[in-house]
Amino acid sequence: MAVSLGAVVLQVSDIGRSAAFWSKALGYDAQPGNPAFLGSKDGSGTRLHLDETDRTHLDLWVDRTDSDLETEVERLIALGARRVEWTYPPDADFVVLADPDGTVFCVIE
């Protein structure tokens, strides 16, 4: 497989309060300089990104040794996903898709 579940983006009302809770609940550490990005102490596994404005969604990370962003996007579309209208920054390294049920997720290179 060329994508993996890299992060769960969780919409929260207070990043500091949520980071304190989730880091203790999961045994995760905050990324240096960014308390909103939590991950395992050894850096493996799925990260938790806390966000006060973005909706809860999954981030799928492309394994660059196996594939590239557009190849994976096309593979997921062939499986039933669809592109979502989105305003991307000029240096975007992600594509926003929706699964067949309409659940939004990101594919990130």
PDB file of N, CA and C in Angstrom:
ATOM      1  N   MET A   1       0.854  -1.188   0.000  1.00  0.00           N
ATOM      2  CA  MET A   1       0.000   0.000   0.000  1.00  0.00           C
ATOM      3  C   MET A   1       0.885   1.231   0.000  1.00  0.00           C
ATOM      4  N   ALA A   2       0.463   2.239  -0.709  1.00  0.00           N
ATOM      5  CA  ALA A   2       1.287   3.431  -0.858  1.00  0.00           C
ATOM      6  C   ALA A   2       0.818   4.601  -0.008  1.00  0.00           C
ATOM      7  N   VAL A   3      -0.275   4.446   0.750  1.00  0.00           N
ATOM      8  CA  VAL A   3      -0.684   5.475   1.695  1.00  0.00           C
ATOM      9  C   VAL A   3      -0.892   4.831   3.050  1.00  0.00           C
ATOM     10  N   SER A   4      -0.748   5.640   4.092  1.00  0.00           N
ATOM     11  CA  SER A   4      -0.997   5.167   5.450  1.00  0.00           C
ATOM     12  C   SER A   4      -1.731   6.256   6.216  1.00  0.00           C
ATOM     13  N   LEU A   5      -2.337   5.868   7.318  1.00  0.00           N
ATOM     14  CA  LEU A   5      -3.023   6.839   8.165  1.00  0.00           C
ATOM     15  C   LEU A   5      -1.959   7.583   8.949  1.00  0.00           C
ATOM     16  N   GLY A   6      -1.619   8.767   8.475  1.00  0.00           N
ATOM     17  CA  GLY A   6      -0.555   9.548   9.097  1.00  0.00           C
ATOM     18  C   GLY A   6      -1.012  10.329  10.302  1.00  0.00           C
ATOM     19  N   ALA A   7      -2.239  10.886  10.221  1.00  0.00           N
ATOM     20  CA  ALA A   7      -2.731  11.706  11.324  1.00  0.00           C
ATOM     21  C   ALA A   7      -4.246  11.744  11.325  1.00  0.00           C
ATOM     22  N   VAL A   8      -4.765  11.917  12.523  1.00  0.00           N
ATOM     23  CA  VAL A   8      -6.171  12.244  12.704  1.00  0.00           C
ATOM     24  C   VAL A   8      -6.187  13.714  13.103  1.00  0.00           C
ATOM     25  N   VAL A   9      -6.919  14.527  12.356  1.00  0.00           N
ATOM     26  CA  VAL A   9      -7.069  15.935  12.690  1.00  0.00           C
ATOM     27  C   VAL A   9      -8.352  16.060  13.488  1.00  0.00           C
ATOM     28  N   LEU A  10      -8.229  16.538  14.704  1.00  0.00           N
ATOM     29  CA  LEU A  10      -9.360  16.606  15.622  1.00  0.00           C
ATOM     30  C   LEU A  10      -9.703  18.061  15.894  1.00  0.00           C
ATOM     31  N   GLN A  11     -10.928  18.456  15.563  1.00  0.00           N
ATOM     32  CA  GLN A  11     -11.361  19.828  15.847  1.00  0.00           C
ATOM     33  C   GLN A  11     -11.620  19.949  17.344  1.00  0.00           C
ATOM     34  N   VAL A  12     -11.004  20.963  17.957  1.00  0.00           N
ATOM     35  CA  VAL A  12     -11.130  21.196  19.393  1.00  0.00           C
ATOM     36  C   VAL A  12     -11.416  22.681  19.638  1.00  0.00           C
ATOM     37  N   SER A  13     -11.912  22.984  20.821  1.00  0.00           N
ATOM     38  CA  SER A  13     -12.179  24.393  21.133  1.00  0.00           C
ATOM     39  C   SER A  13     -11.012  25.066  21.833  1.00  0.00           C
ATOM     40  N   ASP A  14     -10.089  24.282  22.416  1.00  0.00           N
ATOM     41  CA  ASP A  14      -8.946  24.841  23.131  1.00  0.00           C
ATOM     42  C   ASP A  14      -7.762  23.899  22.951  1.00  0.00           C
ATOM     43  N   ILE A  15      -6.780  24.298  22.146  1.00  0.00           N
ATOM     44  CA  ILE A  15      -5.653  23.420  21.841  1.00  0.00           C
ATOM     45  C   ILE A  15      -4.865  23.062  23.099  1.00  0.00           C
ATOM     46  N   GLY A  16      -4.583  24.038  23.950  1.00  0.00           N
ATOM     47  CA  GLY A  16      -3.801  23.764  25.162  1.00  0.00           C
ATOM     48  C   GLY A  16      -4.461  22.740  26.059  1.00  0.00           C
ATOM     49  N   ARG A  17      -5.737  22.933  26.323  1.00  0.00           N
ATOM     50  CA  ARG A  17      -6.483  22.004  27.182  1.00  0.00           C
ATOM     51  C   ARG A  17      -6.551  20.621  26.542  1.00  0.00           C
ATOM     52  N   SER A  18      -6.838  20.588  25.235  1.00  0.00           N
ATOM     53  CA  SER A  18      -6.944  19.308  24.538  1.00  0.00           C
ATOM     54  C   SER A  18      -5.594  18.606  24.452  1.00  0.00           C
ATOM     55  N   ALA A  19      -4.530  19.367  24.212  1.00  0.00           N
ATOM     56  CA  ALA A  19      -3.195  18.774  24.141  1.00  0.00           C
ATOM     57  C   ALA A  19      -2.816  18.149  25.481  1.00  0.00           C
ATOM     58  N   ALA A  20      -3.137  18.831  26.570  1.00  0.00           N
ATOM     59  CA  ALA A  20      -2.834  18.284  27.897  1.00  0.00           C
ATOM     60  C   ALA A  20      -3.574  16.962  28.108  1.00  0.00           C
ATOM     61  N   PHE A  21      -4.839  16.927  27.735  1.00  0.00           N
ATOM     62  CA  PHE A  21      -5.623  15.703  27.903  1.00  0.00           C
ATOM     63  C   PHE A  21      -5.128  14.575  27.005  1.00  0.00           C
ATOM     64  N   TRP A  22      -5.050  14.840  25.689  1.00  0.00           N
ATOM     65  CA  TRP A  22      -4.728  13.777  24.735  1.00  0.00           C
ATOM     66  C   TRP A  22      -3.297  13.275  24.878  1.00  0.00           C
ATOM     67  N   SER A  23      -2.364  14.148  25.236  1.00  0.00           N
ATOM     68  CA  SER A  23      -0.989  13.673  25.414  1.00  0.00           C
ATOM     69  C   SER A  23      -0.911  12.690  26.581  1.00  0.00           C
ATOM     70  N   LYS A  24      -1.652  12.968  27.647  1.00  0.00           N
ATOM     71  CA  LYS A  24      -1.677  12.040  28.785  1.00  0.00           C
ATOM     72  C   LYS A  24      -2.491  10.790  28.466  1.00  0.00           C
ATOM     73  N   ALA A  25      -3.624  10.959  27.792  1.00  0.00           N
ATOM     74  CA  ALA A  25      -4.484   9.813  27.486  1.00  0.00           C
ATOM     75  C   ALA A  25      -3.783   8.815  26.566  1.00  0.00           C
ATOM     76  N   LEU A  26      -3.010   9.325  25.601  1.00  0.00           N
ATOM     77  CA  LEU A  26      -2.377   8.454  24.606  1.00  0.00           C
ATOM     78  C   LEU A  26      -0.897   8.197  24.869  1.00  0.00           C
ATOM     79  N   GLY A  27      -0.330   8.900  25.842  1.00  0.00           N
ATOM     80  CA  GLY A  27       1.104   8.781  26.084  1.00  0.00           C
ATOM     81  C   GLY A  27       1.916   9.424  24.978  1.00  0.00           C
ATOM     82  N   TYR A  28       1.355  10.442  24.342  1.00  0.00           N
ATOM     83  CA  TYR A  28       2.006  11.144  23.240  1.00  0.00           C
ATOM     84  C   TYR A  28       2.746  12.367  23.758  1.00  0.00           C
ATOM     85  N   ASP A  29       3.721  12.820  22.973  1.00  0.00           N
ATOM     86  CA  ASP A  29       4.439  14.063  23.239  1.00  0.00           C
ATOM     87  C   ASP A  29       4.066  15.087  22.183  1.00  0.00           C
ATOM     88  N   ALA A  30       4.085  16.350  22.573  1.00  0.00           N
ATOM     89  CA  ALA A  30       3.864  17.423  21.597  1.00  0.00           C
ATOM     90  C   ALA A  30       5.116  17.588  20.750  1.00  0.00           C
ATOM     91  N   GLN A  31       4.917  17.917  19.475  1.00  0.00           N
ATOM     92  CA  GLN A  31       6.041  18.194  18.591  1.00  0.00           C
ATOM     93  C   GLN A  31       6.730  19.450  19.106  1.00  0.00           C
ATOM     94  N   PRO A  32       8.060  19.477  19.164  1.00  0.00           N
ATOM     95  CA  PRO A  32       8.755  20.681  19.652  1.00  0.00           C
ATOM     96  C   PRO A  32       8.305  21.928  18.892  1.00  0.00           C
ATOM     97  N   GLY A  33       7.893  22.940  19.641  1.00  0.00           N
ATOM     98  CA  GLY A  33       7.472  24.195  19.035  1.00  0.00           C
ATOM     99  C   GLY A  33       6.037  24.211  18.553  1.00  0.00           C
ATOM    100  N   ASN A  34       5.326  23.071  18.632  1.00  0.00           N
ATOM    101  CA  ASN A  34       3.934  23.048  18.187  1.00  0.00           C
ATOM    102  C   ASN A  34       3.113  22.089  19.050  1.00  0.00           C
ATOM    103  N   PRO A  35       2.478  22.604  20.099  1.00  0.00           N
ATOM    104  CA  PRO A  35       1.722  21.732  20.996  1.00  0.00           C
ATOM    105  C   PRO A  35       0.484  21.116  20.359  1.00  0.00           C
ATOM    106  N   ALA A  36       0.104  21.570  19.153  1.00  0.00           N
ATOM    107  CA  ALA A  36      -1.081  21.031  18.484  1.00  0.00           C
ATOM    108  C   ALA A  36      -0.785  19.724  17.746  1.00  0.00           C
ATOM    109  N   PHE A  37       0.486  19.363  17.574  1.00  0.00           N
ATOM    110  CA  PHE A  37       0.856  18.120  16.888  1.00  0.00           C
ATOM    111  C   PHE A  37       1.398  17.150  17.918  1.00  0.00           C
ATOM    112  N   LEU A  38       0.654  16.086  18.147  1.00  0.00           N
ATOM    113  CA  LEU A  38       1.031  15.096  19.148  1.00  0.00           C
ATOM    114  C   LEU A  38       1.402  13.787  18.473  1.00  0.00           C
ATOM    115  N   GLY A  39       2.431  13.118  19.012  1.00  0.00           N
ATOM    116  CA  GLY A  39       2.837  11.841  18.451  1.00  0.00           C
ATOM    117  C   GLY A  39       3.481  10.962  19.493  1.00  0.00           C
ATOM    118  N   SER A  40       3.679   9.705  19.129  1.00  0.00           N
ATOM    119  CA  SER A  40       4.290   8.756  20.062  1.00  0.00           C
ATOM    120  C   SER A  40       5.729   9.180  20.353  1.00  0.00           C
ATOM    121  N   LYS A  41       6.223   8.745  21.479  1.00  0.00           N
ATOM    122  CA  LYS A  41       7.564   9.127  21.907  1.00  0.00           C
ATOM    123  C   LYS A  41       8.637   8.667  20.920  1.00  0.00           C
ATOM    124  N   ASP A  42       8.407   7.539  20.248  1.00  0.00           N
ATOM    125  CA  ASP A  42       9.409   7.039  19.302  1.00  0.00           C
ATOM    126  C   ASP A  42       9.156   7.505  17.868  1.00  0.00           C
ATOM    127  N   GLY A  43       8.118   8.318  17.669  1.00  0.00           N
ATOM    128  CA  GLY A  43       7.830   8.872  16.350  1.00  0.00           C
ATOM    129  C   GLY A  43       7.080   7.946  15.413  1.00  0.00           C
ATOM    130  N   SER A  44       6.705   6.772  15.874  1.00  0.00           N
ATOM    131  CA  SER A  44       5.985   5.839  15.012  1.00  0.00           C
ATOM    132  C   SER A  44       4.480   6.004  15.189  1.00  0.00           C
ATOM    133  N   GLY A  45       3.743   5.430  14.296  1.00  0.00           N
ATOM    134  CA  GLY A  45       2.290   5.411  14.420  1.00  0.00           C
ATOM    135  C   GLY A  45       1.612   6.681  13.954  1.00  0.00           C
ATOM    136  N   THR A  46       0.324   6.701  14.139  1.00  0.00           N
ATOM    137  CA  THR A  46      -0.523   7.812  13.706  1.00  0.00           C
ATOM    138  C   THR A  46      -0.387   8.982  14.668  1.00  0.00           C
ATOM    139  N   ARG A  47      -0.234  10.187  14.116  1.00  0.00           N
ATOM    140  CA  ARG A  47      -0.173  11.394  14.944  1.00  0.00           C
ATOM    141  C   ARG A  47      -1.575  11.946  15.151  1.00  0.00           C
ATOM    142  N   LEU A  48      -1.715  12.803  16.140  1.00  0.00           N
ATOM    143  CA  LEU A  48      -2.957  13.516  16.409  1.00  0.00           C
ATOM    144  C   LEU A  48      -2.670  14.997  16.228  1.00  0.00           C
ATOM    145  N   HIS A  49      -3.413  15.633  15.315  1.00  0.00           N
ATOM    146  CA  HIS A  49      -3.281  17.074  15.090  1.00  0.00           C
ATOM    147  C   HIS A  49      -4.525  17.746  15.660  1.00  0.00           C
ATOM    148  N   LEU A  50      -4.338  18.691  16.543  1.00  0.00           N
ATOM    149  CA  LEU A  50      -5.446  19.432  17.151  1.00  0.00           C
ATOM    150  C   LEU A  50      -5.618  20.750  16.406  1.00  0.00           C
ATOM    151  N   ASP A  51      -6.846  21.078  16.067  1.00  0.00           N
ATOM    152  CA  ASP A  51      -7.100  22.271  15.261  1.00  0.00           C
ATOM    153  C   ASP A  51      -8.391  22.929  15.730  1.00  0.00           C
ATOM    154  N   GLU A  52      -8.355  24.243  15.905  1.00  0.00           N
ATOM    155  CA  GLU A  52      -9.539  24.963  16.375  1.00  0.00           C
ATOM    156  C   GLU A  52     -10.463  25.393  15.241  1.00  0.00           C
ATOM    157  N   THR A  53     -10.007  25.312  13.996  1.00  0.00           N
ATOM    158  CA  THR A  53     -10.838  25.799  12.891  1.00  0.00           C
ATOM    159  C   THR A  53     -11.204  24.729  11.874  1.00  0.00           C
ATOM    160  N   ASP A  54     -10.343  23.754  11.671  1.00  0.00           N
ATOM    161  CA  ASP A  54     -10.598  22.728  10.654  1.00  0.00           C
ATOM    162  C   ASP A  54     -11.465  21.620  11.235  1.00  0.00           C
ATOM    163  N   ARG A  55     -12.299  21.024  10.398  1.00  0.00           N
ATOM    164  CA  ARG A  55     -13.156  19.938  10.877  1.00  0.00           C
ATOM    165  C   ARG A  55     -12.339  18.669  11.102  1.00  0.00           C
ATOM    166  N   THR A  56     -12.874  17.780  11.898  1.00  0.00           N
ATOM    167  CA  THR A  56     -12.237  16.498  12.151  1.00  0.00           C
ATOM    168  C   THR A  56     -12.165  15.705  10.851  1.00  0.00           C
ATOM    169  N   HIS A  57     -10.968  15.181  10.554  1.00  0.00           N
ATOM    170  CA  HIS A  57     -10.782  14.392   9.339  1.00  0.00           C
ATOM    171  C   HIS A  57      -9.507  13.563   9.445  1.00  0.00           C
ATOM    172  N   LEU A  58      -9.314  12.662   8.499  1.00  0.00           N
ATOM    173  CA  LEU A  58      -8.109  11.846   8.424  1.00  0.00           C
ATOM    174  C   LEU A  58      -7.125  12.458   7.437  1.00  0.00           C
ATOM    175  N   ASP A  59      -5.842  12.321   7.741  1.00  0.00           N
ATOM    176  CA  ASP A  59      -4.772  12.671   6.811  1.00  0.00           C
ATOM    177  C   ASP A  59      -4.087  11.378   6.401  1.00  0.00           C
ATOM    178  N   LEU A  60      -4.129  11.071   5.111  1.00  0.00           N
ATOM    179  CA  LEU A  60      -3.419   9.910   4.589  1.00  0.00           C
ATOM    180  C   LEU A  60      -2.098  10.392   4.026  1.00  0.00           C
ATOM    181  N   TRP A  61      -1.019   9.746   4.421  1.00  0.00           N
ATOM    182  CA  TRP A  61       0.307  10.141   3.974  1.00  0.00           C
ATOM    183  C   TRP A  61       0.784   9.199   2.882  1.00  0.00           C
ATOM    184  N   VAL A  62       1.298   9.773   1.822  1.00  0.00           N
ATOM    185  CA  VAL A  62       1.818   8.995   0.699  1.00  0.00           C
ATOM    186  C   VAL A  62       3.219   8.487   1.037  1.00  0.00           C
ATOM    187  N   ASP A  63       3.422   7.194   0.832  1.00  0.00           N
ATOM    188  CA  ASP A  63       4.753   6.606   0.968  1.00  0.00           C
ATOM    189  C   ASP A  63       5.508   6.906  -0.313  1.00  0.00           C
ATOM    190  N   ARG A  64       6.403   7.866  -0.267  1.00  0.00           N
ATOM    191  CA  ARG A  64       7.100   8.336  -1.470  1.00  0.00           C
ATOM    192  C   ARG A  64       7.985   7.279  -2.117  1.00  0.00           C
ATOM    193  N   THR A  65       8.311   6.232  -1.377  1.00  0.00           N
ATOM    194  CA  THR A  65       9.134   5.182  -1.988  1.00  0.00           C
ATOM    195  C   THR A  65       8.300   4.311  -2.921  1.00  0.00           C
ATOM    196  N   ASP A  66       6.980   4.301  -2.722  1.00  0.00           N
ATOM    197  CA  ASP A  66       6.100   3.456  -3.529  1.00  0.00           C
ATOM    198  C   ASP A  66       5.297   4.220  -4.571  1.00  0.00           C
ATOM    199  N   SER A  67       5.048   5.511  -4.332  1.00  0.00           N
ATOM    200  CA  SER A  67       4.105   6.234  -5.181  1.00  0.00           C
ATOM    201  C   SER A  67       4.334   7.734  -5.082  1.00  0.00           C
ATOM    202  N   ASP A  68       3.461   8.505  -5.752  1.00  0.00           N
ATOM    203  CA  ASP A  68       3.469   9.949  -5.604  1.00  0.00           C
ATOM    204  C   ASP A  68       2.032  10.414  -5.365  1.00  0.00           C
ATOM    205  N   LEU A  69       1.886  11.685  -5.072  1.00  0.00           N
ATOM    206  CA  LEU A  69       0.590  12.230  -4.681  1.00  0.00           C
ATOM    207  C   LEU A  69      -0.480  11.994  -5.737  1.00  0.00           C
ATOM    208  N   GLU A  70      -0.236  12.401  -6.963  1.00  0.00           N
ATOM    209  CA  GLU A  70      -1.278  12.288  -7.996  1.00  0.00           C
ATOM    210  C   GLU A  70      -1.637  10.839  -8.309  1.00  0.00           C
ATOM    211  N   THR A  71      -0.648   9.950  -8.282  1.00  0.00           N
ATOM    212  CA  THR A  71      -0.931   8.528  -8.510  1.00  0.00           C
ATOM    213  C   THR A  71      -1.869   8.007  -7.437  1.00  0.00           C
ATOM    214  N   GLU A  72      -1.614   8.388  -6.190  1.00  0.00           N
ATOM    215  CA  GLU A  72      -2.468   7.922  -5.089  1.00  0.00           C
ATOM    216  C   GLU A  72      -3.855   8.544  -5.158  1.00  0.00           C
ATOM    217  N   VAL A  73      -3.919   9.822  -5.509  1.00  0.00           N
ATOM    218  CA  VAL A  73      -5.225  10.470  -5.647  1.00  0.00           C
ATOM    219  C   VAL A  73      -6.042   9.749  -6.716  1.00  0.00           C
ATOM    220  N   GLU A  74      -5.431   9.458  -7.840  1.00  0.00           N
ATOM    221  CA  GLU A  74      -6.146   8.755  -8.911  1.00  0.00           C
ATOM    222  C   GLU A  74      -6.555   7.350  -8.485  1.00  0.00           C
ATOM    223  N   ARG A  75      -5.718   6.661  -7.728  1.00  0.00           N
ATOM    224  CA  ARG A  75      -6.059   5.326  -7.225  1.00  0.00           C
ATOM    225  C   ARG A  75      -7.283   5.393  -6.310  1.00  0.00           C
ATOM    226  N   LEU A  76      -7.297   6.392  -5.422  1.00  0.00           N
ATOM    227  CA  LEU A  76      -8.418   6.536  -4.488  1.00  0.00           C
ATOM    228  C   LEU A  76      -9.702   6.933  -5.217  1.00  0.00           C
ATOM    229  N   ILE A  77      -9.578   7.757  -6.242  1.00  0.00           N
ATOM    230  CA  ILE A  77     -10.748   8.121  -7.051  1.00  0.00           C
ATOM    231  C   ILE A  77     -11.296   6.879  -7.747  1.00  0.00           C
ATOM    232  N   ALA A  78     -10.419   6.038  -8.244  1.00  0.00           N
ATOM    233  CA  ALA A  78     -10.860   4.790  -8.890  1.00  0.00           C
ATOM    234  C   ALA A  78     -11.579   3.876  -7.906  1.00  0.00           C
ATOM    235  N   LEU A  79     -11.265   4.006  -6.620  1.00  0.00           N
ATOM    236  CA  LEU A  79     -11.924   3.207  -5.579  1.00  0.00           C
ATOM    237  C   LEU A  79     -13.265   3.803  -5.145  1.00  0.00           C
ATOM    238  N   GLY A  80     -13.569   5.035  -5.607  1.00  0.00           N
ATOM    239  CA  GLY A  80     -14.852   5.647  -5.280  1.00  0.00           C
ATOM    240  C   GLY A  80     -14.781   7.004  -4.621  1.00  0.00           C
ATOM    241  N   ALA A  81     -13.577   7.498  -4.337  1.00  0.00           N
ATOM    242  CA  ALA A  81     -13.448   8.844  -3.758  1.00  0.00           C
ATOM    243  C   ALA A  81     -13.719   9.877  -4.850  1.00  0.00           C
ATOM    244  N   ARG A  82     -13.908  11.127  -4.426  1.00  0.00           N
ATOM    245  CA  ARG A  82     -14.079  12.217  -5.387  1.00  0.00           C
ATOM    246  C   ARG A  82     -13.318  13.433  -4.874  1.00  0.00           C
ATOM    247  N   ARG A  83     -12.894  14.282  -5.810  1.00  0.00           N
ATOM    248  CA  ARG A  83     -12.222  15.529  -5.435  1.00  0.00           C
ATOM    249  C   ARG A  83     -13.232  16.482  -4.802  1.00  0.00           C
ATOM    250  N   VAL A  84     -12.768  17.268  -3.850  1.00  0.00           N
ATOM    251  CA  VAL A  84     -13.598  18.250  -3.162  1.00  0.00           C
ATOM    252  C   VAL A  84     -13.111  19.634  -3.564  1.00  0.00           C
ATOM    253  N   GLU A  85     -14.049  20.533  -3.868  1.00  0.00           N
ATOM    254  CA  GLU A  85     -13.681  21.932  -4.147  1.00  0.00           C
ATOM    255  C   GLU A  85     -12.953  22.478  -2.919  1.00  0.00           C
ATOM    256  N   TRP A  86     -11.776  23.054  -3.132  1.00  0.00           N
ATOM    257  CA  TRP A  86     -10.976  23.532  -2.011  1.00  0.00           C
ATOM    258  C   TRP A  86     -10.113  24.676  -2.487  1.00  0.00           C
ATOM    259  N   THR A  87      -9.846  25.634  -1.628  1.00  0.00           N
ATOM    260  CA  THR A  87      -8.909  26.709  -1.925  1.00  0.00           C
ATOM    261  C   THR A  87      -7.555  26.291  -1.374  1.00  0.00           C
ATOM    262  N   TYR A  88      -6.629  26.007  -2.281  1.00  0.00           N
ATOM    263  CA  TYR A  88      -5.314  25.513  -1.898  1.00  0.00           C
ATOM    264  C   TYR A  88      -4.301  26.652  -1.841  1.00  0.00           C
ATOM    265  N   PRO A  89      -3.362  26.590  -0.888  1.00  0.00           N
ATOM    266  CA  PRO A  89      -2.263  27.555  -0.909  1.00  0.00           C
ATOM    267  C   PRO A  89      -1.348  27.240  -2.087  1.00  0.00           C
ATOM    268  N   PRO A  90      -0.534  28.200  -2.523  1.00  0.00           N
ATOM    269  CA  PRO A  90       0.321  27.981  -3.691  1.00  0.00           C
ATOM    270  C   PRO A  90       1.275  26.787  -3.548  1.00  0.00           C
ATOM    271  N   ASP A  91       1.732  26.515  -2.350  1.00  0.00           N
ATOM    272  CA  ASP A  91       2.699  25.437  -2.124  1.00  0.00           C
ATOM    273  C   ASP A  91       2.046  24.175  -1.559  1.00  0.00           C
ATOM    274  N   ALA A  92       0.778  23.952  -1.863  1.00  0.00           N
ATOM    275  CA  ALA A  92       0.029  22.824  -1.300  1.00  0.00           C
ATOM    276  C   ALA A  92       0.710  21.492  -1.616  1.00  0.00           C
ATOM    277  N   ASP A  93       0.847  20.675  -0.586  1.00  0.00           N
ATOM    278  CA  ASP A  93       1.394  19.325  -0.748  1.00  0.00           C
ATOM    279  C   ASP A  93       0.316  18.289  -0.430  1.00  0.00           C
ATOM    280  N   PHE A  94      -0.947  18.685  -0.621  1.00  0.00           N
ATOM    281  CA  PHE A  94      -2.065  17.812  -0.290  1.00  0.00           C
ATOM    282  C   PHE A  94      -3.209  18.006  -1.275  1.00  0.00           C
ATOM    283  N   VAL A  95      -4.098  17.019  -1.297  1.00  0.00           N
ATOM    284  CA  VAL A  95      -5.323  17.086  -2.090  1.00  0.00           C
ATOM    285  C   VAL A  95      -6.462  16.674  -1.173  1.00  0.00           C
ATOM    286  N   VAL A  96      -7.578  17.392  -1.244  1.00  0.00           N
ATOM    287  CA  VAL A  96      -8.743  17.075  -0.427  1.00  0.00           C
ATOM    288  C   VAL A  96      -9.704  16.221  -1.257  1.00  0.00           C
ATOM    289  N   LEU A  97     -10.070  15.088  -0.683  1.00  0.00           N
ATOM    290  CA  LEU A  97     -11.008  14.161  -1.313  1.00  0.00           C
ATOM    291  C   LEU A  97     -12.145  13.865  -0.356  1.00  0.00           C
ATOM    292  N   ALA A  98     -13.187  13.234  -0.859  1.00  0.00           N
ATOM    293  CA  ALA A  98     -14.278  12.723  -0.024  1.00  0.00           C
ATOM    294  C   ALA A  98     -14.468  11.262  -0.374  1.00  0.00           C
ATOM    295  N   ASP A  99     -14.756  10.452   0.632  1.00  0.00           N
ATOM    296  CA  ASP A  99     -15.013   9.039   0.386  1.00  0.00           C
ATOM    297  C   ASP A  99     -16.419   8.882  -0.203  1.00  0.00           C
ATOM    298  N   PRO A 100     -16.837   7.681  -0.577  1.00  0.00           N
ATOM    299  CA  PRO A 100     -18.163   7.501  -1.193  1.00  0.00           C
ATOM    300  C   PRO A 100     -19.326   7.979  -0.324  1.00  0.00           C
ATOM    301  N   ASP A 101     -19.105   8.065   0.992  1.00  0.00           N
ATOM    302  CA  ASP A 101     -20.142   8.541   1.907  1.00  0.00           C
ATOM    303  C   ASP A 101     -20.118  10.060   2.090  1.00  0.00           C
ATOM    304  N   GLY A 102     -19.103  10.719   1.513  1.00  0.00           N
ATOM    305  CA  GLY A 102     -18.980  12.164   1.640  1.00  0.00           C
ATOM    306  C   GLY A 102     -18.053  12.631   2.734  1.00  0.00           C
ATOM    307  N   THR A 103     -17.421  11.716   3.443  1.00  0.00           N
ATOM    308  CA  THR A 103     -16.489  12.087   4.508  1.00  0.00           C
ATOM    309  C   THR A 103     -15.207  12.619   3.887  1.00  0.00           C
ATOM    310  N   VAL A 104     -14.833  13.827   4.282  1.00  0.00           N
ATOM    311  CA  VAL A 104     -13.663  14.506   3.726  1.00  0.00           C
ATOM    312  C   VAL A 104     -12.397  13.962   4.367  1.00  0.00           C
ATOM    313  N   PHE A 105     -11.350  13.817   3.552  1.00  0.00           N
ATOM    314  CA  PHE A 105     -10.031  13.449   4.043  1.00  0.00           C
ATOM    315  C   PHE A 105      -8.963  14.072   3.144  1.00  0.00           C
ATOM    316  N   CYS A 106      -7.745  14.128   3.626  1.00  0.00           N
ATOM    317  CA  CYS A 106      -6.636  14.701   2.869  1.00  0.00           C
ATOM    318  C   CYS A 106      -5.643  13.614   2.499  1.00  0.00           C
ATOM    319  N   VAL A 107      -5.059  13.759   1.320  1.00  0.00           N
ATOM    320  CA  VAL A 107      -3.947  12.914   0.900  1.00  0.00           C
ATOM    321  C   VAL A 107      -2.739  13.853   0.845  1.00  0.00           C
ATOM    322  N   ILE A 108      -1.686  13.527   1.604  1.00  0.00           N
ATOM    323  CA  ILE A 108      -0.560  14.433   1.781  1.00  0.00           C
ATOM    324  C   ILE A 108       0.723  13.771   1.301  1.00  0.00           C
ATOM    325  N   GLU A 109       1.501  14.525   0.547  1.00  0.00           N
ATOM    326  CA  GLU A 109       2.782  14.007   0.062  1.00  0.00           C
ATOM    327  C   GLU A 109       3.859  14.303   1.065  1.00  0.00           C
TER     328      GLU A 109
END
